[in-house]
Amino acid sequence: MSTMTRHCHKCGTVYALEGTAGRSEACERCNADLHVCLNCTQYDRSSAHQCRDRRAEPVFDKGSANFCEWFEFARREFKGAEKDAREQKARDDIKRLLGG
């Protein structure tokens, strides 16, 4: 059974502190910013500006720290290796289709 955690979007390191990550906080393992759209409950690739919160200002770099006051650290299951495998399979399929 998988566990829903608040973790780094890049490497999956669990954020164990209470409260929300601040703009200056970074992952202890990979040094990625934590107060980023990719870690937020409102992040949605299919929404306008990839955010479900209409009050939020548009953020163009979803993986860099920002000043969004509506940020809420998402609890979810880390799928880093699985996501990378899907991405690689998609790239291989495109290469095959395009004769590369």
N, C-alpha and C. Protein backbone atom coordinates (compact mmCIF):
# COMPACT_ATOMS: atom_id res chain seq x y z
N MET A 1 0.84 -1.18 0.00
CA MET A 1 0.00 0.00 0.00
C MET A 1 0.88 1.24 0.00
N SER A 2 0.57 2.21 -0.83
CA SER A 2 1.37 3.41 -0.93
C SER A 2 0.94 4.44 0.11
N THR A 3 1.85 5.36 0.39
CA THR A 3 1.60 6.37 1.39
C THR A 3 1.55 7.74 0.74
N MET A 4 0.58 8.54 1.15
CA MET A 4 0.47 9.90 0.65
C MET A 4 1.37 10.77 1.52
N THR A 5 2.34 11.43 0.91
CA THR A 5 3.28 12.27 1.65
C THR A 5 3.44 13.62 0.97
N ARG A 6 3.98 14.55 1.72
CA ARG A 6 4.42 15.81 1.15
C ARG A 6 5.90 15.61 0.84
N HIS A 7 6.26 15.71 -0.41
CA HIS A 7 7.63 15.38 -0.79
C HIS A 7 8.12 16.26 -1.94
N CYS A 8 9.42 16.22 -2.16
CA CYS A 8 10.07 16.94 -3.26
C CYS A 8 9.56 16.39 -4.58
N HIS A 9 9.14 17.27 -5.47
CA HIS A 9 8.64 16.86 -6.77
C HIS A 9 9.71 16.23 -7.63
N LYS A 10 10.96 16.53 -7.35
CA LYS A 10 12.06 16.07 -8.19
C LYS A 10 12.61 14.70 -7.77
N CYS A 11 12.88 14.52 -6.46
CA CYS A 11 13.53 13.27 -6.03
C CYS A 11 12.68 12.43 -5.07
N GLY A 12 11.60 13.00 -4.53
CA GLY A 12 10.73 12.23 -3.66
C GLY A 12 11.08 12.27 -2.18
N THR A 13 12.07 13.06 -1.79
CA THR A 13 12.43 13.17 -0.37
C THR A 13 11.25 13.76 0.40
N VAL A 14 10.86 13.08 1.48
CA VAL A 14 9.70 13.51 2.26
C VAL A 14 10.02 14.79 3.03
N TYR A 15 9.08 15.74 3.01
CA TYR A 15 9.17 16.98 3.77
C TYR A 15 8.49 16.71 5.11
N ALA A 16 9.27 16.58 6.17
CA ALA A 16 8.74 16.14 7.46
C ALA A 16 8.36 17.27 8.40
N LEU A 17 8.68 18.51 8.09
CA LEU A 17 8.37 19.62 8.99
C LEU A 17 6.89 19.94 8.96
N GLU A 18 6.38 20.50 10.05
CA GLU A 18 4.99 20.94 10.10
C GLU A 18 4.84 22.21 9.29
N GLY A 19 3.64 22.48 8.81
CA GLY A 19 3.38 23.70 8.06
C GLY A 19 3.79 23.57 6.61
N THR A 20 3.87 24.71 5.96
CA THR A 20 4.17 24.77 4.53
C THR A 20 5.60 25.20 4.31
N ALA A 21 6.21 24.69 3.26
CA ALA A 21 7.59 25.07 2.91
C ALA A 21 7.62 26.54 2.53
N GLY A 22 8.63 27.24 3.00
CA GLY A 22 8.81 28.64 2.65
C GLY A 22 9.53 28.78 1.32
N ARG A 23 9.53 30.00 0.80
CA ARG A 23 10.12 30.25 -0.51
C ARG A 23 11.61 29.91 -0.54
N SER A 24 12.31 30.06 0.58
CA SER A 24 13.75 29.83 0.60
C SER A 24 14.12 28.39 0.95
N GLU A 25 13.14 27.53 1.22
CA GLU A 25 13.45 26.15 1.60
C GLU A 25 13.71 25.29 0.36
N ALA A 26 14.71 24.43 0.50
CA ALA A 26 15.08 23.53 -0.59
C ALA A 26 15.15 22.10 -0.06
N CYS A 27 15.05 21.16 -0.96
CA CYS A 27 15.13 19.75 -0.62
C CYS A 27 16.51 19.45 -0.05
N GLU A 28 16.55 18.67 1.02
CA GLU A 28 17.83 18.34 1.64
C GLU A 28 18.67 17.40 0.79
N ARG A 29 18.05 16.63 -0.10
CA ARG A 29 18.80 15.68 -0.91
C ARG A 29 19.25 16.30 -2.25
N CYS A 30 18.32 16.86 -3.01
CA CYS A 30 18.67 17.32 -4.36
C CYS A 30 18.74 18.84 -4.50
N ASN A 31 18.41 19.55 -3.43
CA ASN A 31 18.49 21.01 -3.39
C ASN A 31 17.46 21.71 -4.30
N ALA A 32 16.41 20.99 -4.72
CA ALA A 32 15.34 21.61 -5.52
C ALA A 32 14.48 22.48 -4.61
N ASP A 33 13.97 23.58 -5.15
CA ASP A 33 13.06 24.43 -4.40
C ASP A 33 11.81 23.64 -4.03
N LEU A 34 11.23 23.93 -2.85
CA LEU A 34 10.03 23.21 -2.42
C LEU A 34 8.76 24.03 -2.57
N HIS A 35 8.85 25.36 -2.46
CA HIS A 35 7.67 26.24 -2.59
C HIS A 35 7.48 26.52 -4.08
N VAL A 36 7.07 25.49 -4.82
CA VAL A 36 6.93 25.58 -6.29
C VAL A 36 5.56 25.04 -6.70
N CYS A 37 5.12 25.46 -7.86
CA CYS A 37 3.82 25.00 -8.39
C CYS A 37 3.73 23.48 -8.45
N LEU A 38 4.82 22.82 -8.82
CA LEU A 38 4.81 21.36 -8.96
C LEU A 38 4.54 20.64 -7.65
N ASN A 39 4.69 21.31 -6.51
CA ASN A 39 4.40 20.73 -5.20
C ASN A 39 3.07 21.19 -4.62
N CYS A 40 2.30 21.96 -5.36
CA CYS A 40 1.09 22.60 -4.82
C CYS A 40 -0.17 21.78 -5.11
N THR A 41 -1.12 21.85 -4.19
CA THR A 41 -2.40 21.16 -4.39
C THR A 41 -3.17 21.73 -5.57
N GLN A 42 -2.93 22.98 -5.93
CA GLN A 42 -3.67 23.64 -7.00
C GLN A 42 -3.07 23.42 -8.39
N TYR A 43 -1.88 22.82 -8.45
CA TYR A 43 -1.24 22.59 -9.75
C TYR A 43 -2.05 21.60 -10.57
N ASP A 44 -2.37 21.98 -11.80
CA ASP A 44 -3.16 21.13 -12.69
C ASP A 44 -2.76 21.46 -14.12
N ARG A 45 -2.11 20.52 -14.79
CA ARG A 45 -1.62 20.77 -16.15
C ARG A 45 -2.73 21.13 -17.12
N SER A 46 -3.96 20.74 -16.85
CA SER A 46 -5.05 21.01 -17.78
C SER A 46 -5.80 22.32 -17.51
N SER A 47 -5.46 23.03 -16.45
CA SER A 47 -6.11 24.31 -16.12
C SER A 47 -5.37 25.48 -16.75
N ALA A 48 -6.04 26.61 -16.81
CA ALA A 48 -5.40 27.83 -17.31
C ALA A 48 -4.20 28.16 -16.44
N HIS A 49 -3.09 28.47 -17.06
CA HIS A 49 -1.82 28.76 -16.36
C HIS A 49 -1.40 27.60 -15.46
N GLN A 50 -1.97 26.43 -15.66
CA GLN A 50 -1.69 25.19 -14.93
C GLN A 50 -1.96 25.34 -13.43
N CYS A 51 -2.98 26.14 -13.09
CA CYS A 51 -3.35 26.37 -11.69
C CYS A 51 -4.86 26.44 -11.58
N ARG A 52 -5.42 25.71 -10.62
CA ARG A 52 -6.87 25.73 -10.42
C ARG A 52 -7.33 26.94 -9.61
N ASP A 53 -6.43 27.61 -8.91
CA ASP A 53 -6.80 28.77 -8.10
C ASP A 53 -6.80 30.03 -8.96
N ARG A 54 -7.97 30.58 -9.19
CA ARG A 54 -8.11 31.75 -10.06
C ARG A 54 -7.53 33.02 -9.44
N ARG A 55 -7.30 33.03 -8.14
CA ARG A 55 -6.74 34.21 -7.47
C ARG A 55 -5.24 34.33 -7.69
N ALA A 56 -4.58 33.23 -8.00
CA ALA A 56 -3.12 33.20 -8.10
C ALA A 56 -2.63 33.91 -9.35
N GLU A 57 -1.53 34.63 -9.20
CA GLU A 57 -0.87 35.26 -10.34
C GLU A 57 -0.21 34.15 -11.18
N PRO A 58 -0.17 34.28 -12.49
CA PRO A 58 0.48 33.27 -13.32
C PRO A 58 1.97 33.14 -12.99
N VAL A 59 2.43 31.91 -12.89
CA VAL A 59 3.85 31.61 -12.65
C VAL A 59 4.34 30.87 -13.88
N PHE A 60 5.42 31.34 -14.47
CA PHE A 60 5.87 30.75 -15.72
C PHE A 60 6.83 29.58 -15.53
N ASP A 61 7.66 29.61 -14.49
CA ASP A 61 8.57 28.50 -14.23
C ASP A 61 8.00 27.70 -13.06
N LYS A 62 7.31 26.62 -13.35
CA LYS A 62 6.60 25.83 -12.34
C LYS A 62 7.53 25.10 -11.37
N GLY A 63 8.82 24.97 -11.71
CA GLY A 63 9.77 24.26 -10.86
C GLY A 63 10.67 25.16 -10.05
N SER A 64 10.46 26.48 -10.10
CA SER A 64 11.28 27.43 -9.34
C SER A 64 10.45 28.06 -8.23
N ALA A 65 11.11 28.39 -7.14
CA ALA A 65 10.43 29.02 -6.01
C ALA A 65 9.70 30.28 -6.46
N ASN A 66 8.53 30.51 -5.86
CA ASN A 66 7.74 31.68 -6.21
C ASN A 66 7.11 32.28 -4.96
N PHE A 67 6.43 33.40 -5.13
CA PHE A 67 5.84 34.11 -4.01
C PHE A 67 4.34 33.89 -3.87
N CYS A 68 3.81 32.84 -4.47
CA CYS A 68 2.36 32.60 -4.44
C CYS A 68 1.88 32.44 -3.00
N GLU A 69 0.94 33.27 -2.62
CA GLU A 69 0.42 33.20 -1.26
C GLU A 69 -0.64 32.12 -1.09
N TRP A 70 -1.05 31.49 -2.19
CA TRP A 70 -2.08 30.45 -2.14
C TRP A 70 -1.47 29.05 -2.13
N PHE A 71 -0.14 28.96 -2.07
CA PHE A 71 0.55 27.67 -2.10
C PHE A 71 0.14 26.80 -0.91
N GLU A 72 -0.19 25.54 -1.20
CA GLU A 72 -0.46 24.55 -0.18
C GLU A 72 0.24 23.26 -0.60
N PHE A 73 1.16 22.78 0.24
CA PHE A 73 1.97 21.61 -0.08
C PHE A 73 1.06 20.39 -0.26
N ALA A 74 1.12 19.77 -1.42
CA ALA A 74 0.27 18.62 -1.75
C ALA A 74 0.76 17.34 -1.08
N ARG A 75 -0.19 16.54 -0.66
CA ARG A 75 0.10 15.18 -0.17
C ARG A 75 -0.25 14.24 -1.31
N ARG A 76 0.73 13.46 -1.73
CA ARG A 76 0.50 12.54 -2.85
C ARG A 76 1.52 11.42 -2.80
N GLU A 77 1.38 10.50 -3.72
CA GLU A 77 2.29 9.37 -3.85
C GLU A 77 3.40 9.76 -4.83
N PHE A 78 4.66 9.48 -4.48
CA PHE A 78 5.77 9.81 -5.37
C PHE A 78 5.84 8.79 -6.49
N LYS A 79 5.88 9.28 -7.74
CA LYS A 79 5.92 8.40 -8.91
C LYS A 79 7.08 8.78 -9.81
N GLY A 80 8.21 9.12 -9.25
CA GLY A 80 9.35 9.59 -10.03
C GLY A 80 9.87 8.58 -11.02
N ALA A 81 10.22 7.38 -10.58
CA ALA A 81 10.79 6.37 -11.48
C ALA A 81 9.76 5.92 -12.50
N GLU A 82 8.52 5.76 -12.06
CA GLU A 82 7.45 5.35 -12.97
C GLU A 82 7.21 6.42 -14.03
N LYS A 83 7.22 7.68 -13.62
CA LYS A 83 7.01 8.79 -14.56
C LYS A 83 8.14 8.82 -15.59
N ASP A 84 9.38 8.64 -15.13
CA ASP A 84 10.53 8.65 -16.04
C ASP A 84 10.43 7.51 -17.05
N ALA A 85 9.97 6.35 -16.61
CA ALA A 85 9.83 5.20 -17.52
C ALA A 85 8.76 5.49 -18.57
N ARG A 86 7.64 6.11 -18.17
CA ARG A 86 6.59 6.46 -19.13
C ARG A 86 7.09 7.48 -20.14
N GLU A 87 7.83 8.46 -19.63
CA GLU A 87 8.37 9.50 -20.52
C GLU A 87 9.34 8.89 -21.52
N GLN A 88 10.21 8.01 -21.06
CA GLN A 88 11.19 7.38 -21.95
C GLN A 88 10.49 6.52 -22.99
N LYS A 89 9.45 5.80 -22.59
CA LYS A 89 8.70 4.98 -23.54
C LYS A 89 8.06 5.86 -24.61
N ALA A 90 7.50 6.99 -24.19
CA ALA A 90 6.89 7.93 -25.15
C ALA A 90 7.93 8.46 -26.12
N ARG A 91 9.10 8.81 -25.61
CA ARG A 91 10.18 9.30 -26.49
C ARG A 91 10.61 8.23 -27.49
N ASP A 92 10.74 6.99 -27.01
CA ASP A 92 11.13 5.89 -27.89
C ASP A 92 10.07 5.66 -28.96
N ASP A 93 8.78 5.73 -28.59
CA ASP A 93 7.70 5.56 -29.57
C ASP A 93 7.74 6.64 -30.63
N ILE A 94 8.00 7.88 -30.22
CA ILE A 94 8.06 8.98 -31.19
C ILE A 94 9.24 8.78 -32.14
N LYS A 95 10.38 8.39 -31.60
CA LYS A 95 11.55 8.14 -32.45
C LYS A 95 11.25 7.04 -33.47
N ARG A 96 10.59 5.98 -33.00
CA ARG A 96 10.24 4.86 -33.87
C ARG A 96 9.29 5.32 -34.98
N LEU A 97 8.28 6.11 -34.59
CA LEU A 97 7.30 6.59 -35.57
C LEU A 97 7.93 7.54 -36.61
N LEU A 98 8.87 8.34 -36.17
CA LEU A 98 9.50 9.30 -37.06
C LEU A 98 10.74 8.74 -37.77
N GLY A 99 11.06 7.48 -37.50
CA GLY A 99 12.18 6.83 -38.16
C GLY A 99 13.54 7.26 -37.64
N GLY A 100 13.59 7.65 -36.37
CA GLY A 100 14.85 8.15 -35.80
C GLY A 100 15.60 7.18 -34.99
